[in-house]
Amino acid sequence: MAEAAIAFPVLLMAAIALLQFAVFYHAQNVVTASVQEGARVAAEEDRTVDDGVHYAQTLMTTGLGKTAGDVQLTGIDGGYAVAVEAKGSLHLIVPWSFDARLPLFARAVVSKEKFRVGTGQYDVAAAGCGAGPCGGATAARP
C-alpha cells in the first residue's frame, strides 16, 4: 500500500508531462504549417503579404482554437521574397501558482512568384554557346 502511495503521484506527473508534450508538439506543428502556408499564399503572383498573414491566422485559429489568440503573426515583404513569422506562447495544462508558458515560434521565407515576359527567342550566344557548335545563332525555344 505504501508503494502505491509513492508510485501514484510519480506516474500521474509523468502522464501529465507526456500529455503536455503532446499538446505543445501539436501546437508547434500547427504554428509552423500555418506560417509556411501563409508565406506560400503571400508569395503568389497577385497576392499581398496581408493575404498571407490573414490565411495563416485562419489556419492557426482552426488548428489551435482560442490558443491562437496568444500567437502574433507578422508579415514582411522583402522585394524578391516574403516572410511570415509567428511568435507566441502556450499555457501549461496544469495551472501553477505562476503563469508558466511554453514558447511557440516559426518563420517561413518564400521567393515571390514573378512572370517575366520574354521575347520567345533564346539567344544561344548569350547562353554560353558563343561561336561553338551552336554557331552563335538565335533559335526558337523548345
C-alpha atoms as a PDB file:
ATOM      1  CA  MET A   1       0.000   0.000   0.000  1.00  0.00           C
ATOM      2  CA  ALA A   2       2.852   2.402   0.766  1.00  0.00           C
ATOM      3  CA  GLU A   3       4.365   1.643  -2.613  1.00  0.00           C
ATOM      4  CA  ALA A   4       1.173   2.739  -4.359  1.00  0.00           C
ATOM      5  CA  ALA A   5       1.113   5.974  -2.355  1.00  0.00           C
ATOM      6  CA  ILE A   6       4.602   6.776  -3.617  1.00  0.00           C
ATOM      7  CA  ALA A   7       4.221   5.475  -7.173  1.00  0.00           C
ATOM      8  CA  PHE A   8       0.826   7.031  -7.993  1.00  0.00           C
ATOM      9  CA  PRO A   9       1.900  10.709  -7.811  1.00  0.00           C
ATOM     10  CA  VAL A  10       5.030   9.957  -9.830  1.00  0.00           C
ATOM     11  CA  LEU A  11       3.026   8.154 -12.517  1.00  0.00           C
ATOM     12  CA  LEU A  12       0.428  10.932 -12.552  1.00  0.00           C
ATOM     13  CA  MET A  13       3.112  13.577 -13.041  1.00  0.00           C
ATOM     14  CA  ALA A  14       4.696  11.517 -15.847  1.00  0.00           C
ATOM     15  CA  ALA A  15       1.297  11.168 -17.561  1.00  0.00           C
ATOM     16  CA  ILE A  16       0.632  14.918 -17.302  1.00  0.00           C
ATOM     17  CA  ALA A  17       4.122  15.677 -18.644  1.00  0.00           C
ATOM     18  CA  LEU A  18       3.543  13.387 -21.643  1.00  0.00           C
ATOM     19  CA  LEU A  19       0.175  14.994 -22.301  1.00  0.00           C
ATOM     20  CA  GLN A  20       1.723  18.472 -22.071  1.00  0.00           C
ATOM     21  CA  PHE A  21       4.449  17.466 -24.519  1.00  0.00           C
ATOM     22  CA  ALA A  22       1.856  16.140 -26.980  1.00  0.00           C
ATOM     23  CA  VAL A  23      -0.175  19.363 -26.776  1.00  0.00           C
ATOM     24  CA  PHE A  24       2.957  21.503 -27.223  1.00  0.00           C
ATOM     25  CA  TYR A  25       4.165  19.408 -30.165  1.00  0.00           C
ATOM     26  CA  HIS A  26       0.770  19.715 -31.845  1.00  0.00           C
ATOM     27  CA  ALA A  27       0.645  23.482 -31.271  1.00  0.00           C
ATOM     28  CA  GLN A  28       4.178  23.954 -32.652  1.00  0.00           C
ATOM     29  CA  ASN A  29       3.312  21.906 -35.747  1.00  0.00           C
ATOM     30  CA  VAL A  30       0.125  23.936 -36.334  1.00  0.00           C
ATOM     31  CA  VAL A  31       2.048  27.214 -35.991  1.00  0.00           C
ATOM     32  CA  THR A  32       4.800  26.026 -38.348  1.00  0.00           C
ATOM     33  CA  ALA A  33       2.385  24.752 -41.004  1.00  0.00           C
ATOM     34  CA  SER A  34       0.245  27.909 -40.765  1.00  0.00           C
ATOM     35  CA  VAL A  35       3.254  30.176 -41.262  1.00  0.00           C
ATOM     36  CA  GLN A  36       4.510  28.109 -44.207  1.00  0.00           C
ATOM     37  CA  GLU A  37       1.131  28.179 -45.929  1.00  0.00           C
ATOM     38  CA  GLY A  38       0.721  31.893 -45.197  1.00  0.00           C
ATOM     39  CA  ALA A  39       4.090  32.631 -46.787  1.00  0.00           C
ATOM     40  CA  ARG A  40       3.173  30.496 -49.800  1.00  0.00           C
ATOM     41  CA  VAL A  41      -0.071  32.452 -50.284  1.00  0.00           C
ATOM     42  CA  ALA A  42       1.726  35.793 -49.829  1.00  0.00           C
ATOM     43  CA  ALA A  43       4.294  34.815 -52.474  1.00  0.00           C
ATOM     44  CA  GLU A  44       1.684  34.106 -55.159  1.00  0.00           C
ATOM     45  CA  GLU A  45       1.611  36.394 -58.199  1.00  0.00           C
ATOM     46  CA  ASP A  46      -1.359  38.648 -57.394  1.00  0.00           C
ATOM     47  CA  ARG A  47      -1.416  38.343 -53.595  1.00  0.00           C
ATOM     48  CA  THR A  48      -0.125  40.561 -50.803  1.00  0.00           C
ATOM     49  CA  VAL A  49       1.598  39.899 -47.510  1.00  0.00           C
ATOM     50  CA  ASP A  50      -1.644  40.770 -45.720  1.00  0.00           C
ATOM     51  CA  ASP A  51      -3.390  37.980 -47.640  1.00  0.00           C
ATOM     52  CA  GLY A  52      -0.762  35.532 -46.414  1.00  0.00           C
ATOM     53  CA  VAL A  53      -0.959  36.704 -42.804  1.00  0.00           C
ATOM     54  CA  HIS A  54      -4.754  36.513 -42.868  1.00  0.00           C
ATOM     55  CA  TYR A  55      -4.626  32.977 -44.314  1.00  0.00           C
ATOM     56  CA  ALA A  56      -2.076  31.894 -41.687  1.00  0.00           C
ATOM     57  CA  GLN A  57      -4.266  33.361 -38.928  1.00  0.00           C
ATOM     58  CA  THR A  58      -7.280  31.446 -40.242  1.00  0.00           C
ATOM     59  CA  LEU A  59      -5.330  28.182 -40.267  1.00  0.00           C
ATOM     60  CA  MET A  60      -3.974  28.815 -36.784  1.00  0.00           C
ATOM     61  CA  THR A  61      -7.410  29.598 -35.375  1.00  0.00           C
ATOM     62  CA  THR A  62      -8.761  26.421 -36.940  1.00  0.00           C
ATOM     63  CA  GLY A  63      -5.925  24.294 -35.560  1.00  0.00           C
ATOM     64  CA  LEU A  64      -5.457  25.834 -32.127  1.00  0.00           C
ATOM     65  CA  GLY A  65      -8.821  27.340 -31.223  1.00  0.00           C
ATOM     66  CA  LYS A  66      -8.674  30.056 -28.562  1.00  0.00           C
ATOM     67  CA  THR A  67      -4.954  29.426 -28.008  1.00  0.00           C
ATOM     68  CA  ALA A  68      -4.300  31.073 -31.392  1.00  0.00           C
ATOM     69  CA  GLY A  69      -5.019  34.434 -29.734  1.00  0.00           C
ATOM     70  CA  ASP A  70      -1.722  34.101 -27.837  1.00  0.00           C
ATOM     71  CA  VAL A  71       0.287  33.944 -31.094  1.00  0.00           C
ATOM     72  CA  GLN A  72       1.099  37.122 -33.038  1.00  0.00           C
ATOM     73  CA  LEU A  73       1.701  36.959 -36.781  1.00  0.00           C
ATOM     74  CA  THR A  74       3.784  39.406 -38.786  1.00  0.00           C
ATOM     75  CA  GLY A  75       4.482  39.567 -42.486  1.00  0.00           C
ATOM     76  CA  ILE A  76       7.498  41.108 -44.201  1.00  0.00           C
ATOM     77  CA  ASP A  77       7.775  41.963 -47.891  1.00  0.00           C
ATOM     78  CA  GLY A  78      11.444  41.887 -48.825  1.00  0.00           C
ATOM     79  CA  GLY A  79      11.082  42.672 -52.516  1.00  0.00           C
ATOM     80  CA  TYR A  80      12.007  39.313 -54.029  1.00  0.00           C
ATOM     81  CA  ALA A  81      10.794  37.256 -51.076  1.00  0.00           C
ATOM     82  CA  VAL A  82       8.151  37.359 -48.377  1.00  0.00           C
ATOM     83  CA  ALA A  83       8.397  36.178 -44.790  1.00  0.00           C
ATOM     84  CA  VAL A  84       5.671  35.301 -42.321  1.00  0.00           C
ATOM     85  CA  GLU A  85       6.629  34.936 -38.680  1.00  0.00           C
ATOM     86  CA  ALA A  86       4.706  33.772 -35.623  1.00  0.00           C
ATOM     87  CA  LYS A  87       5.659  34.401 -32.008  1.00  0.00           C
ATOM     88  CA  GLY A  88       3.623  33.420 -29.020  1.00  0.00           C
ATOM     89  CA  SER A  89       3.207  31.071 -26.130  1.00  0.00           C
ATOM     90  CA  LEU A  90       1.170  28.130 -24.927  1.00  0.00           C
ATOM     91  CA  HIS A  91      -0.299  27.895 -21.437  1.00  0.00           C
ATOM     92  CA  LEU A  92       0.568  24.819 -19.422  1.00  0.00           C
ATOM     93  CA  ILE A  93      -2.174  22.247 -18.822  1.00  0.00           C
ATOM     94  CA  VAL A  94      -1.856  22.390 -15.053  1.00  0.00           C
ATOM     95  CA  PRO A  95      -2.289  25.942 -13.780  1.00  0.00           C
ATOM     96  CA  TRP A  96       0.594  26.505 -11.392  1.00  0.00           C
ATOM     97  CA  SER A  97       0.741  29.424  -8.979  1.00  0.00           C
ATOM     98  CA  PHE A  98       2.689  31.389 -11.612  1.00  0.00           C
ATOM     99  CA  ASP A  99       1.772  31.950 -15.245  1.00  0.00           C
ATOM    100  CA  ALA A 100       4.033  29.364 -16.876  1.00  0.00           C
ATOM    101  CA  ARG A 101       4.054  29.210 -20.669  1.00  0.00           C
ATOM    102  CA  LEU A 102       5.912  27.351 -23.394  1.00  0.00           C
ATOM    103  CA  PRO A 103       7.269  29.403 -26.314  1.00  0.00           C
ATOM    104  CA  LEU A 104       5.897  28.975 -29.838  1.00  0.00           C
ATOM    105  CA  PHE A 105       7.894  30.336 -32.780  1.00  0.00           C
ATOM    106  CA  ALA A 106       8.009  29.761 -36.518  1.00  0.00           C
ATOM    107  CA  ARG A 107       9.233  31.668 -39.576  1.00  0.00           C
ATOM    108  CA  ALA A 108       8.863  30.913 -43.268  1.00  0.00           C
ATOM    109  CA  VAL A 109      10.518  32.756 -46.158  1.00  0.00           C
ATOM    110  CA  VAL A 110       9.349  32.135 -49.732  1.00  0.00           C
ATOM    111  CA  SER A 111      10.514  33.674 -53.021  1.00  0.00           C
ATOM    112  CA  LYS A 112       7.830  35.663 -54.799  1.00  0.00           C
ATOM    113  CA  GLU A 113       6.313  34.291 -57.960  1.00  0.00           C
ATOM    114  CA  LYS A 114       7.045  36.522 -60.927  1.00  0.00           C
ATOM    115  CA  PHE A 115       6.050  36.026 -64.518  1.00  0.00           C
ATOM    116  CA  ARG A 116       8.721  37.558 -66.666  1.00  0.00           C
ATOM    117  CA  VAL A 117       7.659  38.293 -70.211  1.00  0.00           C
ATOM    118  CA  GLY A 118      10.314  37.319 -72.734  1.00  0.00           C
ATOM    119  CA  THR A 119      10.683  37.647 -76.474  1.00  0.00           C
ATOM    120  CA  GLY A 120      10.038  33.977 -77.084  1.00  0.00           C
ATOM    121  CA  GLN A 121      13.524  33.708 -78.556  1.00  0.00           C
ATOM    122  CA  TYR A 122      16.519  32.159 -76.869  1.00  0.00           C
ATOM    123  CA  ASP A 123      19.854  33.776 -77.588  1.00  0.00           C
ATOM    124  CA  VAL A 124      22.260  30.840 -77.668  1.00  0.00           C
ATOM    125  CA  ALA A 125      25.267  33.156 -77.898  1.00  0.00           C
ATOM    126  CA  ALA A 126      24.267  34.741 -74.598  1.00  0.00           C
ATOM    127  CA  ALA A 127      23.714  31.280 -73.141  1.00  0.00           C
ATOM    128  CA  GLY A 128      27.388  30.449 -73.493  1.00  0.00           C
ATOM    129  CA  CYS A 129      27.487  28.686 -76.884  1.00  0.00           C
ATOM    130  CA  GLY A 130      29.475  31.523 -78.442  1.00  0.00           C
ATOM    131  CA  ALA A 131      30.895  30.522 -81.817  1.00  0.00           C
ATOM    132  CA  GLY A 132      30.930  26.846 -80.855  1.00  0.00           C
ATOM    133  CA  PRO A 133      28.589  24.170 -82.183  1.00  0.00           C
ATOM    134  CA  CYS A 134      25.620  26.499 -81.724  1.00  0.00           C
ATOM    135  CA  GLY A 135      27.078  28.909 -84.260  1.00  0.00           C
ATOM    136  CA  GLY A 136      26.061  31.982 -82.299  1.00  0.00           C
ATOM    137  CA  ALA A 137      22.613  31.935 -83.918  1.00  0.00           C
ATOM    138  CA  THR A 138      19.327  32.788 -82.294  1.00  0.00           C
ATOM    139  CA  ALA A 139      16.962  29.844 -82.138  1.00  0.00           C
ATOM    140  CA  ALA A 140      13.375  29.454 -81.018  1.00  0.00           C
ATOM    141  CA  ARG A 141      12.857  27.971 -77.564  1.00  0.00           C
ATOM    142  CA  PRO A 142      11.771  24.354 -77.487  1.00  0.00           C
END
